[in-house]
Amino acid sequence: MTAVLELIDLHKRFGRTEVIRGASLAVQRGERMALIGPNGAGKSTLFNLVSGRLAPDSGQVRLQGRAIAGKPPYEIHRLGLARSFQVTHVFPSLSVFENLRCAVMWSQGHGWRLLRLPGRMRRANERVCELLDLLGLQARREVPAMHLSYAEQRALEMGLTIAGGSEVILLDEPTAGMSRSETERFTQLIARVTEGRTLLMVEHDMGVVFGLADRVAVLVQGEVIALDTPERVRADARVQQAYLGRFVEAP
C-alpha cells in the first residue's frame, strides 16, 4: 500500500518542554487511522504540525510524497489535506446552505467573484446540494447555523471540511460533547463522508475508535508507542499501562 501521509521523526519543543519527541507514523491511502493517548500526550500539537498551524523543530511531514512541514495551512489545504477542530467553526448567522456555499466557493479558488459568474455559481450550488444530501442536512438547508443542534453544527463543519474535495481528512475529537445516540449517528456520518478518503482522527471515545479505525496509533509523551489494529493495540501491555487501567473495552 502507498502512504499518503507520513510523519518522520517529528520534534517540537515549547521552551524547555519537548512535547513531540521523534513521532513517526505513516497513514496508507484510503485508511482510517485513530490517534489516541492520555491527556497531555501531544495529540493536538501533532495535528497542528501536520496541518501547518505549527512548524516542527525537526523532522518531516509528507503529503503524497511532498514535504509540507512549515507550509502555511492554506497551502497544505490546497495540496489536499483538510482538518476540523475541537471547537466548532461555522458562520452562525448564515444558513446551512450559505455556509457550505462559502466553503465551496473558496475551495474552487473563485472567492466572492462567483457572485458575478452565474455558470460557476450554478456548479457551486450543485456541489452544495450534494453535500447536503451526504450530511443529511437537506431539510435544514435554510436554517441559520446558530439554530442547529450541536450535533448538526458538527455535521455542518464536517461538510465545510470536505467541501474542497480533500483526499486526506483530519478530525480532532469529532464526537466530543455528544450524547450516546448522537455519537452513534455521527460515527455513521464519518464513515459515509470519509468513504474513499484517508482519515486521521483524534478521538477519546473507544467505541468510535473501534467502530471506525483500521489501525490505531497510540501517542504517549510525544512518542508513538504502538501502531496496529484496534484489537492488537487494546491487548498491548504498554498501552494498558499508559492508560492506567482506564483503557475501556469496545462495545
C-alpha atoms as a PDB file:
ATOM      1  CA  MET A   1       0.000   0.000   0.000  1.00  0.00           C
ATOM      2  CA  THR A   2       1.011   3.620  -0.544  1.00  0.00           C
ATOM      3  CA  ALA A   3       1.465   6.014   2.366  1.00  0.00           C
ATOM      4  CA  VAL A   4      -0.402   9.222   1.566  1.00  0.00           C
ATOM      5  CA  LEU A   5       0.591  10.944   4.823  1.00  0.00           C
ATOM      6  CA  GLU A   6       3.940  10.372   6.545  1.00  0.00           C
ATOM      7  CA  LEU A   7       5.318  11.790   9.781  1.00  0.00           C
ATOM      8  CA  ILE A   8       9.036  11.193  10.095  1.00  0.00           C
ATOM      9  CA  ASP A   9      10.914  11.730  13.379  1.00  0.00           C
ATOM     10  CA  LEU A  10       8.981  14.865  14.320  1.00  0.00           C
ATOM     11  CA  HIS A  11      10.175  17.004  17.226  1.00  0.00           C
ATOM     12  CA  LYS A  12       8.515  20.053  18.740  1.00  0.00           C
ATOM     13  CA  ARG A  13       9.607  21.980  21.806  1.00  0.00           C
ATOM     14  CA  PHE A  14       7.922  24.816  23.678  1.00  0.00           C
ATOM     15  CA  GLY A  15      10.591  26.490  25.759  1.00  0.00           C
ATOM     16  CA  ARG A  16      12.317  23.738  27.707  1.00  0.00           C
ATOM     17  CA  THR A  17       9.437  21.304  27.286  1.00  0.00           C
ATOM     18  CA  GLU A  18       9.703  18.806  24.435  1.00  0.00           C
ATOM     19  CA  VAL A  19       6.114  17.981  23.545  1.00  0.00           C
ATOM     20  CA  ILE A  20       6.722  15.852  20.436  1.00  0.00           C
ATOM     21  CA  ARG A  21       9.725  13.568  20.704  1.00  0.00           C
ATOM     22  CA  GLY A  22      10.541  11.764  17.488  1.00  0.00           C
ATOM     23  CA  ALA A  23       6.992  10.840  16.478  1.00  0.00           C
ATOM     24  CA  SER A  24       6.730   8.815  13.271  1.00  0.00           C
ATOM     25  CA  LEU A  25       3.817   7.147  11.515  1.00  0.00           C
ATOM     26  CA  ALA A  26       2.501   6.504   8.023  1.00  0.00           C
ATOM     27  CA  VAL A  27      -1.159   6.594   7.022  1.00  0.00           C
ATOM     28  CA  GLN A  28      -1.977   4.493   3.982  1.00  0.00           C
ATOM     29  CA  ARG A  29      -4.171   5.687   1.150  1.00  0.00           C
ATOM     30  CA  GLY A  30      -7.834   5.069   1.959  1.00  0.00           C
ATOM     31  CA  GLU A  31      -7.074   4.081   5.553  1.00  0.00           C
ATOM     32  CA  ARG A  32      -8.928   5.270   8.629  1.00  0.00           C
ATOM     33  CA  MET A  33      -6.457   5.741  11.466  1.00  0.00           C
ATOM     34  CA  ALA A  34      -7.262   6.859  15.015  1.00  0.00           C
ATOM     35  CA  LEU A  35      -4.699   8.704  17.126  1.00  0.00           C
ATOM     36  CA  ILE A  36      -5.280   8.101  20.817  1.00  0.00           C
ATOM     37  CA  GLY A  37      -3.386   8.805  24.008  1.00  0.00           C
ATOM     38  CA  PRO A  38      -3.798  10.171  27.532  1.00  0.00           C
ATOM     39  CA  ASN A  39      -4.319  13.882  28.147  1.00  0.00           C
ATOM     40  CA  GLY A  40      -1.118  15.826  27.557  1.00  0.00           C
ATOM     41  CA  ALA A  41       0.307  13.233  25.177  1.00  0.00           C
ATOM     42  CA  GLY A  42       0.747  15.826  22.414  1.00  0.00           C
ATOM     43  CA  LYS A  43      -2.092  14.813  20.104  1.00  0.00           C
ATOM     44  CA  SER A  44      -3.295  18.362  19.336  1.00  0.00           C
ATOM     45  CA  THR A  45       0.289  19.538  18.839  1.00  0.00           C
ATOM     46  CA  LEU A  46       0.867  16.707  16.380  1.00  0.00           C
ATOM     47  CA  PHE A  47      -2.273  17.675  14.466  1.00  0.00           C
ATOM     48  CA  ASN A  48      -1.093  21.282  14.365  1.00  0.00           C
ATOM     49  CA  LEU A  49       2.267  20.182  12.958  1.00  0.00           C
ATOM     50  CA  VAL A  50       0.560  18.175  10.223  1.00  0.00           C
ATOM     51  CA  SER A  51      -1.941  20.888   9.255  1.00  0.00           C
ATOM     52  CA  GLY A  52       0.545  23.775   9.270  1.00  0.00           C
ATOM     53  CA  ARG A  53      -0.550  25.658  12.361  1.00  0.00           C
ATOM     54  CA  LEU A  54       2.853  24.868  13.854  1.00  0.00           C
ATOM     55  CA  ALA A  55       6.236  24.179  12.268  1.00  0.00           C
ATOM     56  CA  PRO A  56       8.327  21.308  13.660  1.00  0.00           C
ATOM     57  CA  ASP A  57      11.746  21.937  15.159  1.00  0.00           C
ATOM     58  CA  SER A  58      12.978  18.952  13.176  1.00  0.00           C
ATOM     59  CA  GLY A  59      11.595  16.040  11.206  1.00  0.00           C
ATOM     60  CA  GLN A  60       9.379  15.806   8.162  1.00  0.00           C
ATOM     61  CA  VAL A  61       5.715  15.718   7.218  1.00  0.00           C
ATOM     62  CA  ARG A  62       4.998  14.361   3.748  1.00  0.00           C
ATOM     63  CA  LEU A  63       1.675  14.532   1.902  1.00  0.00           C
ATOM     64  CA  GLN A  64       1.540  12.440  -1.266  1.00  0.00           C
ATOM     65  CA  GLY A  65       5.335  12.272  -1.030  1.00  0.00           C
ATOM     66  CA  ARG A  66       5.672  16.060  -0.905  1.00  0.00           C
ATOM     67  CA  ALA A  67       7.303  17.808   2.065  1.00  0.00           C
ATOM     68  CA  ILE A  68       4.771  20.118   3.745  1.00  0.00           C
ATOM     69  CA  ALA A  69       6.292  20.781   7.172  1.00  0.00           C
ATOM     70  CA  GLY A  70       6.331  24.521   7.845  1.00  0.00           C
ATOM     71  CA  LYS A  71       3.996  25.406   4.966  1.00  0.00           C
ATOM     72  CA  PRO A  72       1.040  27.654   5.881  1.00  0.00           C
ATOM     73  CA  PRO A  73      -2.328  25.923   6.389  1.00  0.00           C
ATOM     74  CA  TYR A  74      -3.906  27.339   3.221  1.00  0.00           C
ATOM     75  CA  GLU A  75      -1.132  25.851   1.062  1.00  0.00           C
ATOM     76  CA  ILE A  76      -1.472  22.468   2.749  1.00  0.00           C
ATOM     77  CA  HIS A  77      -5.229  22.609   2.216  1.00  0.00           C
ATOM     78  CA  ARG A  78      -4.707  23.279  -1.489  1.00  0.00           C
ATOM     79  CA  LEU A  79      -2.479  20.212  -1.652  1.00  0.00           C
ATOM     80  CA  GLY A  80      -5.359  18.033  -0.468  1.00  0.00           C
ATOM     81  CA  LEU A  81      -5.428  17.981   3.333  1.00  0.00           C
ATOM     82  CA  ALA A  82      -8.275  19.442   5.392  1.00  0.00           C
ATOM     83  CA  ARG A  83      -8.983  19.384   9.128  1.00  0.00           C
ATOM     84  CA  SER A  84     -11.700  20.093  11.640  1.00  0.00           C
ATOM     85  CA  PHE A  85     -11.190  21.401  15.173  1.00  0.00           C
ATOM     86  CA  GLN A  86     -12.357  20.510  18.669  1.00  0.00           C
ATOM     87  CA  VAL A  87     -14.398  23.745  18.763  1.00  0.00           C
ATOM     88  CA  THR A  88     -16.987  24.130  16.018  1.00  0.00           C
ATOM     89  CA  HIS A  89     -16.177  26.835  13.458  1.00  0.00           C
ATOM     90  CA  VAL A  90     -19.182  27.877  11.354  1.00  0.00           C
ATOM     91  CA  PHE A  91     -20.758  31.181  10.292  1.00  0.00           C
ATOM     92  CA  PRO A  92     -23.575  31.369  12.877  1.00  0.00           C
ATOM     93  CA  SER A  93     -25.801  33.900  11.101  1.00  0.00           C
ATOM     94  CA  LEU A  94     -25.588  32.237   7.684  1.00  0.00           C
ATOM     95  CA  SER A  95     -27.847  29.390   6.677  1.00  0.00           C
ATOM     96  CA  VAL A  96     -26.556  25.858   6.301  1.00  0.00           C
ATOM     97  CA  PHE A  97     -26.670  26.277   2.523  1.00  0.00           C
ATOM     98  CA  GLU A  98     -24.782  29.585   2.654  1.00  0.00           C
ATOM     99  CA  ASN A  99     -22.109  28.151   4.954  1.00  0.00           C
ATOM    100  CA  LEU A 100     -21.447  25.314   2.563  1.00  0.00           C
ATOM    101  CA  ARG A 101     -21.533  27.570  -0.487  1.00  0.00           C
ATOM    102  CA  CYS A 102     -18.872  29.831   1.034  1.00  0.00           C
ATOM    103  CA  ALA A 103     -16.629  26.821   1.567  1.00  0.00           C
ATOM    104  CA  VAL A 104     -17.217  25.528  -1.956  1.00  0.00           C
ATOM    105  CA  MET A 105     -16.571  28.947  -3.496  1.00  0.00           C
ATOM    106  CA  TRP A 106     -13.266  29.427  -1.718  1.00  0.00           C
ATOM    107  CA  SER A 107     -12.139  25.860  -2.351  1.00  0.00           C
ATOM    108  CA  GLN A 108     -12.645  26.404  -6.077  1.00  0.00           C
ATOM    109  CA  GLY A 109     -10.448  29.494  -5.931  1.00  0.00           C
ATOM    110  CA  HIS A 110     -13.139  31.901  -7.106  1.00  0.00           C
ATOM    111  CA  GLY A 111     -13.801  33.765  -3.860  1.00  0.00           C
ATOM    112  CA  TRP A 112     -16.657  36.233  -3.984  1.00  0.00           C
ATOM    113  CA  ARG A 113     -16.187  36.636  -7.741  1.00  0.00           C
ATOM    114  CA  LEU A 114     -18.547  33.694  -8.054  1.00  0.00           C
ATOM    115  CA  LEU A 115     -21.373  36.095  -7.290  1.00  0.00           C
ATOM    116  CA  ARG A 116     -20.759  37.621 -10.711  1.00  0.00           C
ATOM    117  CA  LEU A 117     -20.298  34.345 -12.583  1.00  0.00           C
ATOM    118  CA  PRO A 118     -23.689  32.609 -12.920  1.00  0.00           C
ATOM    119  CA  GLY A 119     -22.283  29.453 -14.515  1.00  0.00           C
ATOM    120  CA  ARG A 120     -19.821  28.875 -11.721  1.00  0.00           C
ATOM    121  CA  MET A 121     -22.444  29.773  -9.129  1.00  0.00           C
ATOM    122  CA  ARG A 122     -24.689  27.075 -10.563  1.00  0.00           C
ATOM    123  CA  ARG A 123     -21.917  24.492 -10.289  1.00  0.00           C
ATOM    124  CA  ALA A 124     -21.208  25.614  -6.731  1.00  0.00           C
ATOM    125  CA  ASN A 125     -24.899  25.283  -5.828  1.00  0.00           C
ATOM    126  CA  GLU A 126     -24.973  21.772  -7.288  1.00  0.00           C
ATOM    127  CA  ARG A 127     -21.971  20.823  -5.170  1.00  0.00           C
ATOM    128  CA  VAL A 128     -23.678  22.224  -2.069  1.00  0.00           C
ATOM    129  CA  CYS A 129     -26.766  20.117  -2.755  1.00  0.00           C
ATOM    130  CA  GLU A 130     -24.555  17.035  -2.982  1.00  0.00           C
ATOM    131  CA  LEU A 131     -23.019  17.894   0.369  1.00  0.00           C
ATOM    132  CA  LEU A 132     -26.414  18.490   1.983  1.00  0.00           C
ATOM    133  CA  ASP A 133     -27.549  15.023   0.904  1.00  0.00           C
ATOM    134  CA  LEU A 134     -24.319  13.437   2.118  1.00  0.00           C
ATOM    135  CA  LEU A 135     -24.549  15.171   5.501  1.00  0.00           C
ATOM    136  CA  GLY A 136     -28.255  14.524   5.986  1.00  0.00           C
ATOM    137  CA  LEU A 137     -28.911  18.267   6.301  1.00  0.00           C
ATOM    138  CA  GLN A 138     -31.119  18.831   3.256  1.00  0.00           C
ATOM    139  CA  ALA A 139     -34.165  19.559   5.446  1.00  0.00           C
ATOM    140  CA  ARG A 140     -32.123  22.136   7.398  1.00  0.00           C
ATOM    141  CA  ARG A 141     -30.630  23.956   4.415  1.00  0.00           C
ATOM    142  CA  GLU A 142     -32.279  27.338   5.118  1.00  0.00           C
ATOM    143  CA  VAL A 143     -31.780  27.248   8.901  1.00  0.00           C
ATOM    144  CA  PRO A 144     -29.154  29.658  10.320  1.00  0.00           C
ATOM    145  CA  ALA A 145     -26.231  27.678  11.701  1.00  0.00           C
ATOM    146  CA  MET A 146     -26.750  29.179  15.167  1.00  0.00           C
ATOM    147  CA  HIS A 147     -30.120  27.416  15.412  1.00  0.00           C
ATOM    148  CA  LEU A 148     -28.778  23.945  14.641  1.00  0.00           C
ATOM    149  CA  SER A 149     -28.298  21.382  17.369  1.00  0.00           C
ATOM    150  CA  TYR A 150     -24.736  20.762  18.477  1.00  0.00           C
ATOM    151  CA  ALA A 151     -24.541  17.513  16.507  1.00  0.00           C
ATOM    152  CA  GLU A 152     -25.935  19.248  13.416  1.00  0.00           C
ATOM    153  CA  GLN A 153     -23.334  22.002  13.741  1.00  0.00           C
ATOM    154  CA  ARG A 154     -20.623  19.356  13.893  1.00  0.00           C
ATOM    155  CA  ALA A 155     -22.086  17.742  10.770  1.00  0.00           C
ATOM    156  CA  LEU A 156     -22.056  21.125   9.039  1.00  0.00           C
ATOM    157  CA  GLU A 157     -18.418  21.627   9.998  1.00  0.00           C
ATOM    158  CA  MET A 158     -17.702  18.211   8.535  1.00  0.00           C
ATOM    159  CA  GLY A 159     -19.217  19.483   5.305  1.00  0.00           C
ATOM    160  CA  LEU A 160     -17.042  22.596   5.400  1.00  0.00           C
ATOM    161  CA  THR A 161     -14.009  20.359   5.890  1.00  0.00           C
ATOM    162  CA  ILE A 162     -14.683  18.182   2.841  1.00  0.00           C
ATOM    163  CA  ALA A 163     -16.148  20.910   0.587  1.00  0.00           C
ATOM    164  CA  GLY A 164     -12.913  21.251  -1.353  1.00  0.00           C
ATOM    165  CA  GLY A 165     -12.665  17.541  -2.094  1.00  0.00           C
ATOM    166  CA  SER A 166      -9.533  16.974   0.004  1.00  0.00           C
ATOM    167  CA  GLU A 167      -8.324  13.382  -0.035  1.00  0.00           C
ATOM    168  CA  VAL A 168      -6.834  13.468   3.466  1.00  0.00           C
ATOM    169  CA  ILE A 169      -9.115  14.462   6.355  1.00  0.00           C
ATOM    170  CA  LEU A 170      -8.014  15.244   9.920  1.00  0.00           C
ATOM    171  CA  LEU A 171     -10.763  15.202  12.546  1.00  0.00           C
ATOM    172  CA  ASP A 172      -9.988  16.466  16.051  1.00  0.00           C
ATOM    173  CA  GLU A 173     -12.282  14.816  18.620  1.00  0.00           C
ATOM    174  CA  PRO A 174     -15.280  14.802  16.255  1.00  0.00           C
ATOM    175  CA  THR A 175     -17.773  13.304  18.744  1.00  0.00           C
ATOM    176  CA  ALA A 176     -16.725  15.256  21.865  1.00  0.00           C
ATOM    177  CA  GLY A 177     -19.725  16.554  23.807  1.00  0.00           C
ATOM    178  CA  MET A 178     -22.275  14.337  22.074  1.00  0.00           C
ATOM    179  CA  SER A 179     -24.790  12.009  23.664  1.00  0.00           C
ATOM    180  CA  ARG A 180     -24.523   8.287  23.008  1.00  0.00           C
ATOM    181  CA  SER A 181     -27.240   8.350  20.345  1.00  0.00           C
ATOM    182  CA  GLU A 182     -25.688  11.403  18.669  1.00  0.00           C
ATOM    183  CA  THR A 183     -22.282   9.713  18.752  1.00  0.00           C
ATOM    184  CA  GLU A 184     -23.659   6.609  17.062  1.00  0.00           C
ATOM    185  CA  ARG A 185     -25.257   8.645  14.278  1.00  0.00           C
ATOM    186  CA  PHE A 186     -22.169  10.811  13.862  1.00  0.00           C
ATOM    187  CA  THR A 187     -19.911   7.760  13.654  1.00  0.00           C
ATOM    188  CA  GLN A 188     -22.037   6.557  10.748  1.00  0.00           C
ATOM    189  CA  LEU A 189     -21.721  10.006   9.167  1.00  0.00           C
ATOM    190  CA  ILE A 190     -17.933   9.959   9.478  1.00  0.00           C
ATOM    191  CA  ALA A 191     -17.832   6.549   7.816  1.00  0.00           C
ATOM    192  CA  ARG A 192     -20.037   7.804   4.988  1.00  0.00           C
ATOM    193  CA  VAL A 193     -18.210  11.096   4.464  1.00  0.00           C
ATOM    194  CA  THR A 194     -14.720   9.574   4.519  1.00  0.00           C
ATOM    195  CA  GLU A 195     -15.534   6.704   2.170  1.00  0.00           C
ATOM    196  CA  GLY A 196     -12.731   6.637  -0.404  1.00  0.00           C
ATOM    197  CA  ARG A 197     -10.707   9.202   1.549  1.00  0.00           C
ATOM    198  CA  THR A 198      -7.854   8.911   4.025  1.00  0.00           C
ATOM    199  CA  LEU A 199      -8.756   9.712   7.635  1.00  0.00           C
ATOM    200  CA  LEU A 200      -6.605  10.543  10.654  1.00  0.00           C
ATOM    201  CA  MET A 201      -8.643  11.379  13.735  1.00  0.00           C
ATOM    202  CA  VAL A 202      -8.022  12.162  17.382  1.00  0.00           C
ATOM    203  CA  GLU A 203     -10.741  10.528  19.448  1.00  0.00           C
ATOM    204  CA  HIS A 204     -11.221   9.643  23.114  1.00  0.00           C
ATOM    205  CA  ASP A 205     -14.355   7.526  22.713  1.00  0.00           C
ATOM    206  CA  MET A 206     -13.078   3.981  22.270  1.00  0.00           C
ATOM    207  CA  GLY A 207     -16.416   2.894  20.856  1.00  0.00           C
ATOM    208  CA  VAL A 208     -15.903   5.340  17.988  1.00  0.00           C
ATOM    209  CA  VAL A 209     -12.271   4.276  17.580  1.00  0.00           C
ATOM    210  CA  PHE A 210     -13.108   0.582  17.386  1.00  0.00           C
ATOM    211  CA  GLY A 211     -16.084   1.251  15.139  1.00  0.00           C
ATOM    212  CA  LEU A 212     -14.139   3.235  12.552  1.00  0.00           C
ATOM    213  CA  ALA A 213     -10.389   2.724  12.673  1.00  0.00           C
ATOM    214  CA  ASP A 214      -8.462   0.275  10.518  1.00  0.00           C
ATOM    215  CA  ARG A 215      -5.404   0.966  12.674  1.00  0.00           C
ATOM    216  CA  VAL A 216      -4.775   2.826  15.909  1.00  0.00           C
ATOM    217  CA  ALA A 217      -1.697   4.897  16.763  1.00  0.00           C
ATOM    218  CA  VAL A 218      -1.019   5.492  20.457  1.00  0.00           C
ATOM    219  CA  LEU A 219       0.826   8.667  21.409  1.00  0.00           C
ATOM    220  CA  VAL A 220       2.361   8.897  24.894  1.00  0.00           C
ATOM    221  CA  GLN A 221       4.623  11.760  25.983  1.00  0.00           C
ATOM    222  CA  GLY A 222       5.179  12.813  22.395  1.00  0.00           C
ATOM    223  CA  GLU A 223       6.128   9.369  21.079  1.00  0.00           C
ATOM    224  CA  VAL A 224       4.158   6.790  19.110  1.00  0.00           C
ATOM    225  CA  ILE A 225       4.429   3.707  21.318  1.00  0.00           C
ATOM    226  CA  ALA A 226       2.063   1.461  19.346  1.00  0.00           C
ATOM    227  CA  LEU A 227       0.616   1.332  15.833  1.00  0.00           C
ATOM    228  CA  ASP A 228      -1.502  -1.663  14.950  1.00  0.00           C
ATOM    229  CA  THR A 229      -5.024  -2.984  14.504  1.00  0.00           C
ATOM    230  CA  PRO A 230      -7.526  -1.970  17.206  1.00  0.00           C
ATOM    231  CA  GLU A 231      -7.590  -5.470  18.661  1.00  0.00           C
ATOM    232  CA  ARG A 232      -3.811  -5.724  18.993  1.00  0.00           C
ATOM    233  CA  VAL A 233      -3.496  -2.210  20.389  1.00  0.00           C
ATOM    234  CA  ARG A 234      -6.118  -2.969  23.034  1.00  0.00           C
ATOM    235  CA  ALA A 235      -4.119  -6.014  24.117  1.00  0.00           C
ATOM    236  CA  ASP A 236      -0.768  -4.165  24.200  1.00  0.00           C
ATOM    237  CA  ALA A 237       0.606  -4.020  27.759  1.00  0.00           C
ATOM    238  CA  ARG A 238       2.305  -0.663  27.104  1.00  0.00           C
ATOM    239  CA  VAL A 239      -0.994   0.856  26.043  1.00  0.00           C
ATOM    240  CA  GLN A 240      -2.804  -0.534  29.066  1.00  0.00           C
ATOM    241  CA  GLN A 241      -0.118   0.893  31.334  1.00  0.00           C
ATOM    242  CA  ALA A 242      -0.275   4.301  29.619  1.00  0.00           C
ATOM    243  CA  TYR A 243      -3.996   4.466  30.314  1.00  0.00           C
ATOM    244  CA  LEU A 244      -3.564   3.332  33.931  1.00  0.00           C
ATOM    245  CA  GLY A 245      -6.225   0.700  33.541  1.00  0.00           C
ATOM    246  CA  ARG A 246      -8.734   3.166  32.078  1.00  0.00           C
ATOM    247  CA  PHE A 247      -8.497   1.808  28.530  1.00  0.00           C
ATOM    248  CA  VAL A 248     -12.141   0.868  28.001  1.00  0.00           C
ATOM    249  CA  GLU A 249     -13.412  -2.133  26.157  1.00  0.00           C
ATOM    250  CA  ALA A 250     -15.117  -1.715  22.800  1.00  0.00           C
ATOM    251  CA  PRO A 251     -18.886  -2.162  22.995  1.00  0.00           C
END
